[in-house]
């Protein structure tokens, strides 16, 4: 009878350990290279949605609660990036500033009722201004790290 099967190749423990270290360094290096662009892209996207909210508030328009995910989804994605970055670079000043920008944006999109408040335009404008200041601080911190 013919034996057909998978052949097992045994690698030396040192070779396996070296492979794991090499793969880890490559993955970390790729993320380190992409980190500035990803951080900037998240700030840009959040800024676009902040602008859209401000325009809606100025035009006395509201968004239905079921459609509010349009504004919260970019925050979820940015928080996922922040979680990964924090596991690799917990002490980076740009990451800490980015976290403050996320907090400011989260405050802006905490409740869809913000657009139906009597002073919606002023309230949204103040929160957008706070987000913009935090985003600028994150960009400045990122620029000093490069």
N, C-alpha and C. Protein backbone atom coordinates (compact mmCIF):
# COMPACT_ATOMS: atom_id res chain seq x y z
N UNK A 1 0.84 -1.16 0.00
CA UNK A 1 0.00 0.00 0.00
C UNK A 1 0.89 1.24 0.00
N UNK A 2 0.52 2.18 -0.79
CA UNK A 2 1.27 3.42 -0.84
C UNK A 2 0.87 4.33 0.31
N UNK A 3 1.86 4.97 0.89
CA UNK A 3 1.59 5.91 1.98
C UNK A 3 1.60 7.32 1.45
N UNK A 4 0.49 7.97 1.49
CA UNK A 4 0.42 9.37 1.09
C UNK A 4 0.12 10.17 2.34
N UNK A 5 0.86 11.18 2.55
CA UNK A 5 0.63 11.98 3.75
C UNK A 5 1.50 13.22 3.75
N UNK A 6 1.39 13.91 4.80
CA UNK A 6 2.15 15.15 4.94
C UNK A 6 3.46 14.82 5.64
N UNK A 7 4.52 15.30 5.09
CA UNK A 7 5.82 15.08 5.71
C UNK A 7 6.04 16.17 6.75
N UNK A 8 6.57 15.79 7.83
CA UNK A 8 6.85 16.72 8.91
C UNK A 8 8.30 17.14 8.84
N UNK A 9 8.52 18.42 8.86
CA UNK A 9 9.87 18.95 8.88
C UNK A 9 10.10 19.52 10.26
N UNK A 10 11.12 19.05 10.89
CA UNK A 10 11.42 19.52 12.24
C UNK A 10 12.49 20.60 12.14
N UNK A 11 12.19 21.72 12.72
CA UNK A 11 13.15 22.82 12.73
C UNK A 11 13.76 22.91 14.12
N UNK A 12 14.97 23.31 14.14
CA UNK A 12 15.66 23.46 15.42
C UNK A 12 14.98 24.57 16.22
N UNK A 13 14.90 24.43 17.54
CA UNK A 13 14.26 25.46 18.37
C UNK A 13 14.87 26.85 18.17
N UNK A 14 16.16 26.92 17.98
CA UNK A 14 16.81 28.23 17.79
C UNK A 14 16.34 28.87 16.48
N UNK A 15 16.18 28.05 15.45
CA UNK A 15 15.71 28.56 14.16
C UNK A 15 14.28 29.08 14.28
N UNK A 16 13.43 28.33 14.99
CA UNK A 16 12.06 28.78 15.20
C UNK A 16 12.02 30.09 15.97
N UNK A 17 12.80 30.18 17.02
CA UNK A 17 12.84 31.41 17.83
C UNK A 17 13.32 32.59 17.00
N UNK A 18 14.33 32.35 16.18
CA UNK A 18 14.86 33.42 15.34
C UNK A 18 13.81 33.85 14.31
N UNK A 19 13.07 32.92 13.78
CA UNK A 19 12.01 33.25 12.81
C UNK A 19 10.92 34.09 13.47
N UNK A 20 10.52 33.73 14.68
CA UNK A 20 9.50 34.50 15.40
C UNK A 20 9.99 35.92 15.66
N UNK A 21 11.23 36.07 16.07
CA UNK A 21 11.79 37.41 16.33
C UNK A 21 11.85 38.22 15.05
N UNK A 22 12.28 37.60 13.97
CA UNK A 22 12.38 38.30 12.69
C UNK A 22 11.01 38.75 12.20
N UNK A 23 10.02 37.89 12.27
CA UNK A 23 8.66 38.25 11.85
C UNK A 23 8.12 39.38 12.73
N UNK A 24 8.37 39.31 14.02
CA UNK A 24 7.91 40.36 14.94
C UNK A 24 8.54 41.71 14.59
N UNK A 25 9.83 41.70 14.28
CA UNK A 25 10.51 42.94 13.92
C UNK A 25 9.98 43.52 12.61
N UNK A 26 9.73 42.65 11.66
CA UNK A 26 9.21 43.13 10.37
C UNK A 26 7.82 43.72 10.56
N UNK A 27 6.97 43.03 11.30
CA UNK A 27 5.61 43.54 11.53
C UNK A 27 5.66 44.86 12.29
N UNK A 28 6.49 44.93 13.32
CA UNK A 28 6.61 46.17 14.09
C UNK A 28 7.17 47.29 13.22
N UNK A 29 8.12 46.97 12.38
CA UNK A 29 8.70 47.97 11.49
C UNK A 29 7.70 48.50 10.49
N UNK A 30 6.86 47.62 9.98
CA UNK A 30 5.82 48.06 9.03
C UNK A 30 4.85 49.01 9.71
N UNK A 31 4.43 48.68 10.92
CA UNK A 31 3.49 49.55 11.63
C UNK A 31 4.15 50.87 11.99
N UNK A 32 5.42 50.82 12.39
CA UNK A 32 6.14 52.04 12.75
C UNK A 32 6.23 52.97 11.54
N UNK A 33 6.40 52.39 10.38
CA UNK A 33 6.49 53.19 9.16
C UNK A 33 5.13 53.78 8.78
N UNK A 34 4.06 53.04 9.03
CA UNK A 34 2.72 53.48 8.64
C UNK A 34 2.04 54.33 9.70
N UNK A 35 2.53 54.31 10.93
CA UNK A 35 1.88 55.00 12.05
C UNK A 35 1.58 56.47 11.75
N UNK A 36 2.54 57.28 11.29
CA UNK A 36 2.23 58.70 11.06
C UNK A 36 1.10 58.91 10.04
N UNK A 37 1.13 58.18 8.96
CA UNK A 37 0.10 58.32 7.93
C UNK A 37 -1.27 57.88 8.42
N UNK A 38 -1.31 56.81 9.18
CA UNK A 38 -2.58 56.32 9.71
C UNK A 38 -3.17 57.30 10.72
N UNK A 39 -2.32 57.82 11.59
CA UNK A 39 -2.80 58.79 12.58
C UNK A 39 -3.36 60.02 11.87
N UNK A 40 -2.63 60.51 10.89
CA UNK A 40 -3.07 61.68 10.13
C UNK A 40 -4.38 61.40 9.40
N UNK A 41 -4.51 60.23 8.82
CA UNK A 41 -5.72 59.88 8.06
C UNK A 41 -6.94 59.84 8.99
N UNK A 42 -6.78 59.28 10.17
CA UNK A 42 -7.90 59.25 11.11
C UNK A 42 -8.30 60.66 11.54
N UNK A 43 -7.32 61.51 11.78
CA UNK A 43 -7.64 62.89 12.15
C UNK A 43 -8.36 63.61 11.01
N UNK A 44 -7.92 63.33 9.80
CA UNK A 44 -8.55 63.96 8.63
C UNK A 44 -10.01 63.53 8.48
N UNK A 45 -10.25 62.24 8.60
CA UNK A 45 -11.62 61.72 8.46
C UNK A 45 -12.51 62.27 9.57
N UNK A 46 -12.04 62.24 10.80
CA UNK A 46 -12.83 62.78 11.91
C UNK A 46 -13.10 64.27 11.69
N UNK A 47 -12.13 64.98 11.16
CA UNK A 47 -12.31 66.40 10.87
C UNK A 47 -13.39 66.65 9.82
N UNK A 48 -13.43 65.79 8.82
CA UNK A 48 -14.47 65.93 7.79
C UNK A 48 -15.87 65.72 8.38
N UNK A 49 -16.00 64.73 9.25
CA UNK A 49 -17.30 64.50 9.87
C UNK A 49 -17.65 65.60 10.88
N UNK A 50 -16.66 66.15 11.54
CA UNK A 50 -16.92 67.28 12.43
C UNK A 50 -17.43 68.47 11.63
N UNK A 51 -16.81 68.71 10.47
CA UNK A 51 -17.27 69.79 9.59
C UNK A 51 -18.70 69.56 9.12
N UNK A 52 -19.01 68.31 8.79
CA UNK A 52 -20.37 67.99 8.34
C UNK A 52 -21.38 68.26 9.45
N UNK A 53 -21.04 67.88 10.68
CA UNK A 53 -21.94 68.15 11.81
C UNK A 53 -22.13 69.65 12.01
N UNK A 54 -21.05 70.39 11.87
CA UNK A 54 -21.16 71.83 12.04
C UNK A 54 -22.05 72.45 10.96
N UNK A 55 -21.91 71.98 9.74
CA UNK A 55 -22.76 72.47 8.65
C UNK A 55 -24.22 72.12 8.91
N UNK A 56 -24.48 70.91 9.36
CA UNK A 56 -25.86 70.51 9.68
C UNK A 56 -26.43 71.40 10.78
N UNK A 57 -25.65 71.67 11.80
CA UNK A 57 -26.12 72.50 12.91
C UNK A 57 -26.40 73.92 12.44
N UNK A 58 -25.54 74.46 11.60
CA UNK A 58 -25.72 75.83 11.10
C UNK A 58 -26.96 75.92 10.22
N UNK A 59 -27.31 74.84 9.52
CA UNK A 59 -28.49 74.81 8.64
C UNK A 59 -29.75 74.35 9.35
N UNK A 60 -29.67 74.19 10.68
CA UNK A 60 -30.81 73.72 11.48
C UNK A 60 -31.36 72.38 10.98
N UNK A 61 -30.45 71.49 10.61
CA UNK A 61 -30.85 70.16 10.15
C UNK A 61 -30.48 69.14 11.22
N UNK A 62 -31.22 68.08 11.27
CA UNK A 62 -30.96 67.02 12.25
C UNK A 62 -30.64 65.71 11.52
N UNK A 63 -30.21 64.75 12.30
CA UNK A 63 -29.93 63.42 11.78
C UNK A 63 -30.71 62.44 12.64
N UNK A 64 -31.40 61.53 12.00
CA UNK A 64 -32.16 60.53 12.75
C UNK A 64 -31.21 59.66 13.56
N UNK A 65 -31.67 59.21 14.71
CA UNK A 65 -30.83 58.41 15.60
C UNK A 65 -30.29 57.16 14.89
N UNK A 66 -31.10 56.55 14.04
CA UNK A 66 -30.65 55.34 13.36
C UNK A 66 -29.56 55.63 12.33
N UNK A 67 -29.41 56.89 11.92
CA UNK A 67 -28.38 57.27 10.96
C UNK A 67 -27.14 57.86 11.64
N UNK A 68 -27.16 57.95 12.96
CA UNK A 68 -26.06 58.58 13.71
C UNK A 68 -24.76 57.79 13.60
N UNK A 69 -24.86 56.53 13.24
CA UNK A 69 -23.68 55.69 13.07
C UNK A 69 -22.70 56.24 12.04
N UNK A 70 -23.20 57.03 11.12
CA UNK A 70 -22.33 57.68 10.13
C UNK A 70 -21.25 58.51 10.84
N UNK A 71 -21.59 59.08 11.98
CA UNK A 71 -20.65 59.94 12.72
C UNK A 71 -19.87 59.17 13.79
N UNK A 72 -20.42 58.08 14.27
CA UNK A 72 -19.73 57.33 15.32
C UNK A 72 -18.81 56.23 14.76
N UNK A 73 -19.10 55.75 13.58
CA UNK A 73 -18.26 54.69 13.01
C UNK A 73 -16.81 55.13 12.81
N UNK A 74 -16.55 56.32 12.27
CA UNK A 74 -15.15 56.75 12.15
C UNK A 74 -14.43 56.81 13.50
N UNK A 75 -15.17 57.13 14.55
CA UNK A 75 -14.59 57.15 15.89
C UNK A 75 -14.23 55.73 16.32
N UNK A 76 -15.08 54.77 16.04
CA UNK A 76 -14.78 53.38 16.37
C UNK A 76 -13.51 52.91 15.66
N UNK A 77 -13.40 53.24 14.40
CA UNK A 77 -12.21 52.84 13.63
C UNK A 77 -10.96 53.52 14.19
N UNK A 78 -11.07 54.79 14.53
CA UNK A 78 -9.92 55.50 15.10
C UNK A 78 -9.53 54.91 16.45
N UNK A 79 -10.51 54.49 17.22
CA UNK A 79 -10.21 53.86 18.52
C UNK A 79 -9.54 52.51 18.34
N UNK A 80 -9.90 51.78 17.30
CA UNK A 80 -9.22 50.52 17.01
C UNK A 80 -7.75 50.78 16.68
N UNK A 81 -7.49 51.78 15.86
CA UNK A 81 -6.11 52.16 15.56
C UNK A 81 -5.38 52.57 16.84
N UNK A 82 -6.04 53.37 17.65
CA UNK A 82 -5.43 53.84 18.90
C UNK A 82 -5.08 52.66 19.81
N UNK A 83 -5.94 51.67 19.86
CA UNK A 83 -5.69 50.49 20.69
C UNK A 83 -4.43 49.75 20.23
N UNK A 84 -4.31 49.56 18.93
CA UNK A 84 -3.13 48.87 18.38
C UNK A 84 -1.88 49.71 18.62
N UNK A 85 -1.97 51.00 18.37
CA UNK A 85 -0.81 51.87 18.56
C UNK A 85 -0.41 51.94 20.03
N UNK A 86 -1.38 51.95 20.92
CA UNK A 86 -1.07 52.02 22.35
C UNK A 86 -0.37 50.75 22.83
N UNK A 87 -0.65 49.63 22.20
CA UNK A 87 0.03 48.40 22.60
C UNK A 87 1.50 48.41 22.15
N UNK A 88 1.81 49.22 21.16
CA UNK A 88 3.18 49.27 20.65
C UNK A 88 3.95 50.50 21.13
N UNK A 89 3.28 51.63 21.23
CA UNK A 89 3.94 52.89 21.57
C UNK A 89 3.19 53.63 22.68
N UNK A 90 3.07 53.06 23.85
CA UNK A 90 2.23 53.68 24.88
C UNK A 90 2.72 55.05 25.36
N UNK A 91 3.99 55.35 25.17
CA UNK A 91 4.54 56.61 25.68
C UNK A 91 4.67 57.71 24.63
N UNK A 92 4.25 57.47 23.41
CA UNK A 92 4.39 58.49 22.37
C UNK A 92 3.50 59.69 22.66
N UNK A 93 4.08 60.86 22.57
CA UNK A 93 3.33 62.09 22.80
C UNK A 93 2.23 62.27 21.76
N UNK A 94 2.51 61.89 20.52
CA UNK A 94 1.49 62.03 19.47
C UNK A 94 0.30 61.13 19.75
N UNK A 95 0.55 59.96 20.30
CA UNK A 95 -0.55 59.04 20.61
C UNK A 95 -1.40 59.60 21.74
N UNK A 96 -0.77 60.15 22.75
CA UNK A 96 -1.52 60.75 23.86
C UNK A 96 -2.35 61.93 23.38
N UNK A 97 -1.78 62.74 22.49
CA UNK A 97 -2.52 63.87 21.93
C UNK A 97 -3.66 63.37 21.04
N UNK A 98 -3.41 62.29 20.31
CA UNK A 98 -4.45 61.68 19.48
C UNK A 98 -5.60 61.18 20.35
N UNK A 99 -5.28 60.59 21.48
CA UNK A 99 -6.31 60.12 22.40
C UNK A 99 -7.17 61.28 22.90
N UNK A 100 -6.54 62.43 23.15
CA UNK A 100 -7.32 63.61 23.57
C UNK A 100 -8.21 64.10 22.43
N UNK A 101 -7.74 64.01 21.20
CA UNK A 101 -8.57 64.38 20.05
C UNK A 101 -9.77 63.43 19.92
N UNK A 102 -9.54 62.15 20.17
CA UNK A 102 -10.64 61.19 20.13
C UNK A 102 -11.67 61.49 21.21
N UNK A 103 -11.20 61.86 22.38
CA UNK A 103 -12.12 62.22 23.46
C UNK A 103 -12.96 63.44 23.07
N UNK A 104 -12.34 64.43 22.45
CA UNK A 104 -13.07 65.63 22.03
C UNK A 104 -14.10 65.28 20.96
N UNK A 105 -13.72 64.42 20.02
CA UNK A 105 -14.67 64.02 18.98
C UNK A 105 -15.81 63.20 19.58
N UNK A 106 -15.47 62.31 20.51
CA UNK A 106 -16.50 61.49 21.18
C UNK A 106 -17.50 62.39 21.90
N UNK A 107 -17.02 63.45 22.50
CA UNK A 107 -17.89 64.41 23.19
C UNK A 107 -18.82 65.08 22.17
N UNK A 108 -18.30 65.34 20.98
CA UNK A 108 -19.10 65.96 19.92
C UNK A 108 -20.22 65.05 19.44
N UNK A 109 -19.93 63.76 19.30
CA UNK A 109 -20.91 62.84 18.72
C UNK A 109 -21.61 61.96 19.77
N UNK A 110 -21.54 62.36 21.02
CA UNK A 110 -22.12 61.56 22.10
C UNK A 110 -23.62 61.37 21.97
N UNK A 111 -24.32 62.36 21.42
CA UNK A 111 -25.78 62.28 21.38
C UNK A 111 -26.30 62.98 20.12
N UNK A 112 -27.12 62.30 19.32
CA UNK A 112 -27.66 62.95 18.13
C UNK A 112 -28.58 64.14 18.45
N UNK A 113 -29.05 64.22 19.69
CA UNK A 113 -29.92 65.34 20.09
C UNK A 113 -29.18 66.67 20.08
N UNK A 114 -27.87 66.64 19.95
CA UNK A 114 -27.10 67.88 19.90
C UNK A 114 -27.57 68.77 18.75
N UNK A 115 -28.02 68.15 17.66
CA UNK A 115 -28.45 68.93 16.50
C UNK A 115 -29.85 69.51 16.66
N UNK A 116 -30.62 69.00 17.59
CA UNK A 116 -31.97 69.52 17.78
C UNK A 116 -32.09 70.46 18.98
N UNK A 117 -30.98 70.73 19.63
CA UNK A 117 -30.99 71.66 20.76
C UNK A 117 -31.21 73.08 20.25
N UNK A 118 -31.78 73.97 21.08
CA UNK A 118 -32.04 75.34 20.65
C UNK A 118 -30.77 76.09 20.23
N UNK A 119 -29.67 75.83 20.89
CA UNK A 119 -28.41 76.51 20.57
C UNK A 119 -27.43 75.55 19.88
N UNK A 120 -27.95 74.72 19.00
CA UNK A 120 -27.16 73.67 18.36
C UNK A 120 -25.94 74.22 17.63
N UNK A 121 -26.12 75.28 16.87
CA UNK A 121 -25.00 75.81 16.08
C UNK A 121 -23.84 76.23 16.99
N UNK A 122 -24.15 76.93 18.06
CA UNK A 122 -23.09 77.39 18.97
C UNK A 122 -22.45 76.23 19.71
N UNK A 123 -23.27 75.30 20.17
CA UNK A 123 -22.77 74.15 20.92
C UNK A 123 -21.87 73.28 20.05
N UNK A 124 -22.32 72.97 18.84
CA UNK A 124 -21.53 72.16 17.92
C UNK A 124 -20.25 72.89 17.55
N UNK A 125 -20.34 74.19 17.28
CA UNK A 125 -19.16 74.96 16.92
C UNK A 125 -18.10 74.92 18.03
N UNK A 126 -18.54 75.03 19.28
CA UNK A 126 -17.60 74.99 20.40
C UNK A 126 -16.93 73.61 20.50
N UNK A 127 -17.71 72.57 20.31
CA UNK A 127 -17.15 71.21 20.39
C UNK A 127 -16.24 70.91 19.21
N UNK A 128 -16.58 71.42 18.04
CA UNK A 128 -15.73 71.24 16.87
C UNK A 128 -14.42 72.00 17.08
N UNK A 129 -14.49 73.18 17.65
CA UNK A 129 -13.29 73.96 17.93
C UNK A 129 -12.38 73.21 18.90
N UNK A 130 -12.96 72.60 19.91
CA UNK A 130 -12.17 71.82 20.87
C UNK A 130 -11.52 70.61 20.18
N UNK A 131 -12.27 69.96 19.31
CA UNK A 131 -11.71 68.83 18.56
C UNK A 131 -10.57 69.31 17.67
N UNK A 132 -10.78 70.40 16.96
CA UNK A 132 -9.75 70.93 16.06
C UNK A 132 -8.46 71.27 16.82
N UNK A 133 -8.60 71.87 17.99
CA UNK A 133 -7.42 72.20 18.79
C UNK A 133 -6.67 70.94 19.21
N UNK A 134 -7.41 69.91 19.61
CA UNK A 134 -6.78 68.65 20.00
C UNK A 134 -6.12 67.96 18.80
N UNK A 135 -6.77 68.02 17.65
CA UNK A 135 -6.21 67.43 16.44
C UNK A 135 -4.93 68.16 16.02
N UNK A 136 -4.93 69.47 16.13
CA UNK A 136 -3.73 70.25 15.82
C UNK A 136 -2.59 69.89 16.76
N UNK A 137 -2.89 69.72 18.03
CA UNK A 137 -1.87 69.32 19.00
C UNK A 137 -1.31 67.94 18.66
N UNK A 138 -2.16 67.04 18.22
CA UNK A 138 -1.68 65.71 17.83
C UNK A 138 -0.77 65.78 16.61
N UNK A 139 -1.15 66.60 15.65
CA UNK A 139 -0.31 66.77 14.45
C UNK A 139 1.04 67.39 14.81
N UNK A 140 1.02 68.37 15.70
CA UNK A 140 2.27 69.01 16.12
C UNK A 140 3.18 68.01 16.85
N UNK A 141 2.59 67.21 17.72
CA UNK A 141 3.37 66.19 18.45
C UNK A 141 3.94 65.17 17.47
N UNK A 142 3.17 64.81 16.47
CA UNK A 142 3.64 63.86 15.46
C UNK A 142 4.81 64.45 14.67
N UNK A 143 4.72 65.73 14.35
CA UNK A 143 5.78 66.39 13.59
C UNK A 143 7.10 66.42 14.37
N UNK A 144 7.02 66.57 15.68
CA UNK A 144 8.25 66.59 16.47
C UNK A 144 8.87 65.21 16.63
N UNK A 145 8.08 64.17 16.44
CA UNK A 145 8.59 62.79 16.56
C UNK A 145 9.27 62.29 15.29
N UNK A 146 9.01 62.92 14.21
CA UNK A 146 9.57 62.42 12.92
C UNK A 146 11.03 62.71 12.81
